[in-house]
Amino acid sequence: MPILLPDREAEGEGVPFGPGVSMKVYQRCAQGAEAGVIAGAGVALAFLLLDVVHLTPLATPSALASGLFHPVGYEYDTGLVARAASWVGTGFHMLSYTVLHFATFAALGVVAAFLLARTRWLGSLLGGIAFGVTGFTGVFFLSREFLDTPVVMAAITLPTLLLANGMAGAILGAGVYLARMPDAEDDGVEAV
């Protein structure tokens, strides 16, 4: 038996949610996840550029991965094998952190796609910024508290975090808005 959503059939969104779910719901989830991944890439790129300017490439993701997987850090002090093992472990942690980073942004993008569903361009942009500053930052602090890793804040200052998340929110809002725009093919117009 399908679960019924509010009646939006007049608006072309369909009603059932279950085995015969409307493609609009799936499309909105996919569009939100895509916009979230793009926003996550924007944050990663911003911190990479910031790290390069400070002449410490990958310092931020390394610190975040360290805080996520091993707050105390490795204590290897023996030879080449230990250094190699440390690099492999650090690489695995950074890769795992990157996957979690993009998965989190994709999930938050899905939420934002539903929250910003009825907004116009400016509303979507401003709503995205507000969602980025509150939602993304909130998830960051909740995960930091849940994992008990205060060392992470040494790598990222609060103003930098808010600025990066606001930028990611702007990217997310723009992505959600642009994903809703109909293609030329959908209007029956041939693309030139």
C-alpha atoms as a PDB file:
ATOM      1  CA  MET A   1       0.000   0.000   0.000  1.00  0.00           C
ATOM      2  CA  PRO A   2       1.576   3.305  -1.030  1.00  0.00           C
ATOM      3  CA  ILE A   3       2.027   6.187   1.381  1.00  0.00           C
ATOM      4  CA  LEU A   4       0.196   9.289   0.159  1.00  0.00           C
ATOM      5  CA  LEU A   5       1.879  12.658  -0.015  1.00  0.00           C
ATOM      6  CA  PRO A   6      -0.080  15.935  -0.051  1.00  0.00           C
ATOM      7  CA  ASP A   7      -2.076  16.237  -3.254  1.00  0.00           C
ATOM      8  CA  ARG A   8       0.131  17.991  -5.777  1.00  0.00           C
ATOM      9  CA  GLU A   9      -1.194  16.290  -8.836  1.00  0.00           C
ATOM     10  CA  ALA A  10      -2.484  19.597 -10.187  1.00  0.00           C
ATOM     11  CA  GLU A  11       1.108  20.818 -10.141  1.00  0.00           C
ATOM     12  CA  GLY A  12       2.304  17.734 -12.005  1.00  0.00           C
ATOM     13  CA  GLU A  13       4.193  16.110  -9.136  1.00  0.00           C
ATOM     14  CA  GLY A  14       2.040  13.025  -8.649  1.00  0.00           C
ATOM     15  CA  VAL A  15       0.679  11.673  -5.390  1.00  0.00           C
ATOM     16  CA  PRO A  16       1.839   8.151  -4.535  1.00  0.00           C
ATOM     17  CA  PHE A  17       5.076   7.379  -2.754  1.00  0.00           C
ATOM     18  CA  GLY A  18       5.839   3.682  -2.770  1.00  0.00           C
ATOM     19  CA  PRO A  19       6.070   1.060  -5.501  1.00  0.00           C
ATOM     20  CA  GLY A  20       4.543   3.433  -8.077  1.00  0.00           C
ATOM     21  CA  VAL A  21       6.418   6.512  -6.843  1.00  0.00           C
ATOM     22  CA  SER A  22       6.368   9.618  -8.945  1.00  0.00           C
ATOM     23  CA  MET A  23       9.534  10.189 -10.963  1.00  0.00           C
ATOM     24  CA  LYS A  24       9.479  13.821  -9.780  1.00  0.00           C
ATOM     25  CA  VAL A  25      10.446  12.710  -6.261  1.00  0.00           C
ATOM     26  CA  TYR A  26      13.313  10.591  -7.561  1.00  0.00           C
ATOM     27  CA  GLN A  27      14.418  13.392  -9.854  1.00  0.00           C
ATOM     28  CA  ARG A  28      14.401  15.906  -7.013  1.00  0.00           C
ATOM     29  CA  CYS A  29      16.470  13.531  -4.849  1.00  0.00           C
ATOM     30  CA  ALA A  30      18.953  12.971  -7.669  1.00  0.00           C
ATOM     31  CA  GLN A  31      19.163  16.686  -8.422  1.00  0.00           C
ATOM     32  CA  GLY A  32      19.712  17.487  -4.751  1.00  0.00           C
ATOM     33  CA  ALA A  33      22.392  14.830  -4.396  1.00  0.00           C
ATOM     34  CA  GLU A  34      24.132  16.114  -7.512  1.00  0.00           C
ATOM     35  CA  ALA A  35      24.010  19.708  -6.270  1.00  0.00           C
ATOM     36  CA  GLY A  36      25.289  18.542  -2.872  1.00  0.00           C
ATOM     37  CA  VAL A  37      28.252  16.738  -4.405  1.00  0.00           C
ATOM     38  CA  ILE A  38      29.097  19.839  -6.450  1.00  0.00           C
ATOM     39  CA  ALA A  39      28.858  21.962  -3.274  1.00  0.00           C
ATOM     40  CA  GLY A  40      31.111  19.471  -1.467  1.00  0.00           C
ATOM     41  CA  ALA A  41      33.608  19.758  -4.301  1.00  0.00           C
ATOM     42  CA  GLY A  42      33.480  23.529  -3.939  1.00  0.00           C
ATOM     43  CA  VAL A  43      34.347  23.288  -0.243  1.00  0.00           C
ATOM     44  CA  ALA A  44      37.136  20.794  -0.921  1.00  0.00           C
ATOM     45  CA  LEU A  45      38.563  23.015  -3.652  1.00  0.00           C
ATOM     46  CA  ALA A  46      38.357  26.121  -1.444  1.00  0.00           C
ATOM     47  CA  PHE A  47      40.266  24.420   1.376  1.00  0.00           C
ATOM     48  CA  LEU A  48      42.791  22.975  -1.077  1.00  0.00           C
ATOM     49  CA  LEU A  49      43.462  26.457  -2.468  1.00  0.00           C
ATOM     50  CA  LEU A  50      43.701  27.864   1.056  1.00  0.00           C
ATOM     51  CA  ASP A  51      46.169  25.129   2.008  1.00  0.00           C
ATOM     52  CA  VAL A  52      48.257  25.751  -1.132  1.00  0.00           C
ATOM     53  CA  VAL A  53      48.392  29.481  -0.346  1.00  0.00           C
ATOM     54  CA  HIS A  54      49.670  28.577   3.130  1.00  0.00           C
ATOM     55  CA  LEU A  55      52.174  26.158   1.491  1.00  0.00           C
ATOM     56  CA  THR A  56      50.630  23.156   3.261  1.00  0.00           C
ATOM     57  CA  PRO A  57      48.740  21.238   0.548  1.00  0.00           C
ATOM     58  CA  LEU A  58      46.168  18.757   1.877  1.00  0.00           C
ATOM     59  CA  ALA A  59      46.678  19.932   5.477  1.00  0.00           C
ATOM     60  CA  THR A  60      42.952  20.505   6.065  1.00  0.00           C
ATOM     61  CA  PRO A  61      41.665  17.126   4.812  1.00  0.00           C
ATOM     62  CA  SER A  62      44.553  15.435   6.595  1.00  0.00           C
ATOM     63  CA  ALA A  63      43.645  17.143   9.873  1.00  0.00           C
ATOM     64  CA  LEU A  64      39.953  16.322   9.415  1.00  0.00           C
ATOM     65  CA  ALA A  65      40.750  12.697   8.582  1.00  0.00           C
ATOM     66  CA  SER A  66      43.046  12.537  11.607  1.00  0.00           C
ATOM     67  CA  GLY A  67      40.291  13.900  13.788  1.00  0.00           C
ATOM     68  CA  LEU A  68      37.791  11.451  12.360  1.00  0.00           C
ATOM     69  CA  PHE A  69      39.851   8.268  12.470  1.00  0.00           C
ATOM     70  CA  HIS A  70      42.634   8.752  14.987  1.00  0.00           C
ATOM     71  CA  PRO A  71      42.607  11.944  17.064  1.00  0.00           C
ATOM     72  CA  VAL A  72      45.939  11.152  18.708  1.00  0.00           C
ATOM     73  CA  GLY A  73      47.723  10.415  15.427  1.00  0.00           C
ATOM     74  CA  TYR A  74      50.219   7.772  14.524  1.00  0.00           C
ATOM     75  CA  GLU A  75      53.222   7.270  16.773  1.00  0.00           C
ATOM     76  CA  TYR A  76      55.606   5.584  14.336  1.00  0.00           C
ATOM     77  CA  ASP A  77      59.278   6.406  14.783  1.00  0.00           C
ATOM     78  CA  THR A  78      60.951   3.435  13.195  1.00  0.00           C
ATOM     79  CA  GLY A  79      62.492   3.380   9.724  1.00  0.00           C
ATOM     80  CA  LEU A  80      61.189   3.295   6.207  1.00  0.00           C
ATOM     81  CA  VAL A  81      58.589   0.543   6.699  1.00  0.00           C
ATOM     82  CA  ALA A  82      56.858   2.468   9.455  1.00  0.00           C
ATOM     83  CA  ARG A  83      56.852   5.661   7.380  1.00  0.00           C
ATOM     84  CA  ALA A  84      55.428   3.764   4.397  1.00  0.00           C
ATOM     85  CA  ALA A  85      52.734   2.182   6.578  1.00  0.00           C
ATOM     86  CA  SER A  86      51.913   5.601   7.962  1.00  0.00           C
ATOM     87  CA  TRP A  87      51.474   7.018   4.445  1.00  0.00           C
ATOM     88  CA  VAL A  88      49.247   4.116   3.412  1.00  0.00           C
ATOM     89  CA  GLY A  89      47.165   4.527   6.573  1.00  0.00           C
ATOM     90  CA  THR A  90      46.916   8.282   6.128  1.00  0.00           C
ATOM     91  CA  GLY A  91      45.965   7.873   2.477  1.00  0.00           C
ATOM     92  CA  PHE A  92      43.245   5.382   3.399  1.00  0.00           C
ATOM     93  CA  HIS A  93      41.927   7.712   6.089  1.00  0.00           C
ATOM     94  CA  MET A  94      41.896  10.685   3.711  1.00  0.00           C
ATOM     95  CA  LEU A  95      40.127   8.626   1.044  1.00  0.00           C
ATOM     96  CA  SER A  96      37.561   7.394   3.582  1.00  0.00           C
ATOM     97  CA  TYR A  97      37.048  10.925   4.876  1.00  0.00           C
ATOM     98  CA  THR A  98      36.562  12.191   1.305  1.00  0.00           C
ATOM     99  CA  VAL A  99      33.890   9.572   0.631  1.00  0.00           C
ATOM    100  CA  LEU A 100      32.086  10.534   3.862  1.00  0.00           C
ATOM    101  CA  HIS A 101      32.448  14.230   2.990  1.00  0.00           C
ATOM    102  CA  PHE A 102      30.779  13.841  -0.400  1.00  0.00           C
ATOM    103  CA  ALA A 103      28.117  11.432   0.916  1.00  0.00           C
ATOM    104  CA  THR A 104      27.193  13.947   3.623  1.00  0.00           C
ATOM    105  CA  PHE A 105      26.993  16.800   1.137  1.00  0.00           C
ATOM    106  CA  ALA A 106      24.886  14.651  -1.215  1.00  0.00           C
ATOM    107  CA  ALA A 107      22.460  13.781   1.613  1.00  0.00           C
ATOM    108  CA  LEU A 108      22.208  17.427   2.657  1.00  0.00           C
ATOM    109  CA  GLY A 109      21.688  18.323  -1.006  1.00  0.00           C
ATOM    110  CA  VAL A 110      18.640  16.047  -1.115  1.00  0.00           C
ATOM    111  CA  VAL A 111      17.229  17.798   1.971  1.00  0.00           C
ATOM    112  CA  ALA A 112      17.930  21.202   0.428  1.00  0.00           C
ATOM    113  CA  ALA A 113      16.290  20.184  -2.854  1.00  0.00           C
ATOM    114  CA  PHE A 114      13.011  19.624  -1.014  1.00  0.00           C
ATOM    115  CA  LEU A 115      13.368  22.749   1.144  1.00  0.00           C
ATOM    116  CA  LEU A 116      14.144  24.957  -1.854  1.00  0.00           C
ATOM    117  CA  ALA A 117      11.665  23.275  -4.194  1.00  0.00           C
ATOM    118  CA  ARG A 118       9.416  26.268  -4.746  1.00  0.00           C
ATOM    119  CA  THR A 119      11.913  29.115  -4.679  1.00  0.00           C
ATOM    120  CA  ARG A 120      12.920  31.360  -7.532  1.00  0.00           C
ATOM    121  CA  TRP A 121      16.524  32.184  -8.464  1.00  0.00           C
ATOM    122  CA  LEU A 122      17.300  34.698  -5.680  1.00  0.00           C
ATOM    123  CA  GLY A 123      15.344  32.756  -3.079  1.00  0.00           C
ATOM    124  CA  SER A 124      17.159  29.580  -4.008  1.00  0.00           C
ATOM    125  CA  LEU A 125      20.534  31.325  -3.809  1.00  0.00           C
ATOM    126  CA  LEU A 126      19.828  33.022  -0.458  1.00  0.00           C
ATOM    127  CA  GLY A 127      18.114  29.921   0.907  1.00  0.00           C
ATOM    128  CA  GLY A 128      21.106  27.848  -0.166  1.00  0.00           C
ATOM    129  CA  ILE A 129      23.485  30.219   1.628  1.00  0.00           C
ATOM    130  CA  ALA A 130      21.346  30.097   4.784  1.00  0.00           C
ATOM    131  CA  PHE A 131      21.161  26.299   4.534  1.00  0.00           C
ATOM    132  CA  GLY A 132      24.923  26.096   4.029  1.00  0.00           C
ATOM    133  CA  VAL A 133      25.756  28.310   6.982  1.00  0.00           C
ATOM    134  CA  THR A 134      23.293  26.581   9.315  1.00  0.00           C
ATOM    135  CA  GLY A 135      22.933  23.037   7.991  1.00  0.00           C
ATOM    136  CA  PHE A 136      26.475  22.297   6.860  1.00  0.00           C
ATOM    137  CA  THR A 137      28.018  24.014   9.879  1.00  0.00           C
ATOM    138  CA  GLY A 138      25.572  22.274  12.208  1.00  0.00           C
ATOM    139  CA  VAL A 139      26.480  18.868  10.801  1.00  0.00           C
ATOM    140  CA  PHE A 140      30.173  19.734  11.156  1.00  0.00           C
ATOM    141  CA  PHE A 141      29.796  20.642  14.836  1.00  0.00           C
ATOM    142  CA  LEU A 142      27.496  17.697  15.606  1.00  0.00           C
ATOM    143  CA  SER A 143      29.941  15.253  14.041  1.00  0.00           C
ATOM    144  CA  ARG A 144      32.837  16.917  15.852  1.00  0.00           C
ATOM    145  CA  GLU A 145      31.039  16.600  19.192  1.00  0.00           C
ATOM    146  CA  PHE A 146      29.806  13.076  18.469  1.00  0.00           C
ATOM    147  CA  LEU A 147      33.310  11.915  17.564  1.00  0.00           C
ATOM    148  CA  ASP A 148      34.877  13.921  20.412  1.00  0.00           C
ATOM    149  CA  THR A 149      37.548  15.474  18.189  1.00  0.00           C
ATOM    150  CA  PRO A 150      38.216  19.071  19.273  1.00  0.00           C
ATOM    151  CA  VAL A 151      41.595  18.895  17.478  1.00  0.00           C
ATOM    152  CA  VAL A 152      39.737  19.466  14.200  1.00  0.00           C
ATOM    153  CA  MET A 153      39.005  23.121  15.034  1.00  0.00           C
ATOM    154  CA  ALA A 154      42.735  23.852  15.094  1.00  0.00           C
ATOM    155  CA  ALA A 155      42.781  23.188  11.347  1.00  0.00           C
ATOM    156  CA  ILE A 156      39.721  25.313  10.495  1.00  0.00           C
ATOM    157  CA  THR A 157      38.766  28.585  12.142  1.00  0.00           C
ATOM    158  CA  LEU A 158      35.091  29.403  12.634  1.00  0.00           C
ATOM    159  CA  PRO A 159      35.040  32.340  10.160  1.00  0.00           C
ATOM    160  CA  THR A 160      36.710  30.163   7.508  1.00  0.00           C
ATOM    161  CA  LEU A 161      34.216  27.367   8.169  1.00  0.00           C
ATOM    162  CA  LEU A 162      31.230  29.720   7.925  1.00  0.00           C
ATOM    163  CA  LEU A 163      32.572  31.337   4.753  1.00  0.00           C
ATOM    164  CA  ALA A 164      33.256  27.975   3.096  1.00  0.00           C
ATOM    165  CA  ASN A 165      29.846  26.607   4.089  1.00  0.00           C
ATOM    166  CA  GLY A 166      28.117  29.788   2.904  1.00  0.00           C
ATOM    167  CA  MET A 167      29.903  29.430  -0.436  1.00  0.00           C
ATOM    168  CA  ALA A 168      28.909  25.758  -0.602  1.00  0.00           C
ATOM    169  CA  GLY A 169      25.321  26.759   0.197  1.00  0.00           C
ATOM    170  CA  ALA A 170      25.354  29.264  -2.668  1.00  0.00           C
ATOM    171  CA  ILE A 171      26.628  26.543  -5.006  1.00  0.00           C
ATOM    172  CA  LEU A 172      23.972  24.162  -3.669  1.00  0.00           C
ATOM    173  CA  GLY A 173      21.153  26.688  -4.065  1.00  0.00           C
ATOM    174  CA  ALA A 174      22.231  27.543  -7.605  1.00  0.00           C
ATOM    175  CA  GLY A 175      22.590  23.853  -8.444  1.00  0.00           C
ATOM    176  CA  VAL A 176      19.141  22.996  -7.111  1.00  0.00           C
ATOM    177  CA  TYR A 177      17.592  25.889  -9.031  1.00  0.00           C
ATOM    178  CA  LEU A 178      19.397  25.108 -12.285  1.00  0.00           C
ATOM    179  CA  ALA A 179      18.547  21.399 -12.012  1.00  0.00           C
ATOM    180  CA  ARG A 180      14.848  22.304 -11.938  1.00  0.00           C
ATOM    181  CA  MET A 181      15.030  24.291 -15.167  1.00  0.00           C
ATOM    182  CA  PRO A 182      13.489  22.431 -18.087  1.00  0.00           C
ATOM    183  CA  ASP A 183      15.718  21.278 -20.905  1.00  0.00           C
ATOM    184  CA  ALA A 184      15.092  22.528 -24.411  1.00  0.00           C
ATOM    185  CA  GLU A 185      14.100  18.957 -25.351  1.00  0.00           C
ATOM    186  CA  ASP A 186      11.387  18.928 -22.655  1.00  0.00           C
ATOM    187  CA  ASP A 187       9.723  21.987 -24.199  1.00  0.00           C
ATOM    188  CA  GLY A 188       9.649  20.459 -27.660  1.00  0.00           C
ATOM    189  CA  VAL A 189      12.257  22.952 -28.883  1.00  0.00           C
ATOM    190  CA  GLU A 190      15.267  21.648 -30.735  1.00  0.00           C
ATOM    191  CA  ALA A 191      18.600  22.569 -29.196  1.00  0.00           C
ATOM    192  CA  VAL A 192      20.810  24.534 -31.539  1.00  0.00           C
END
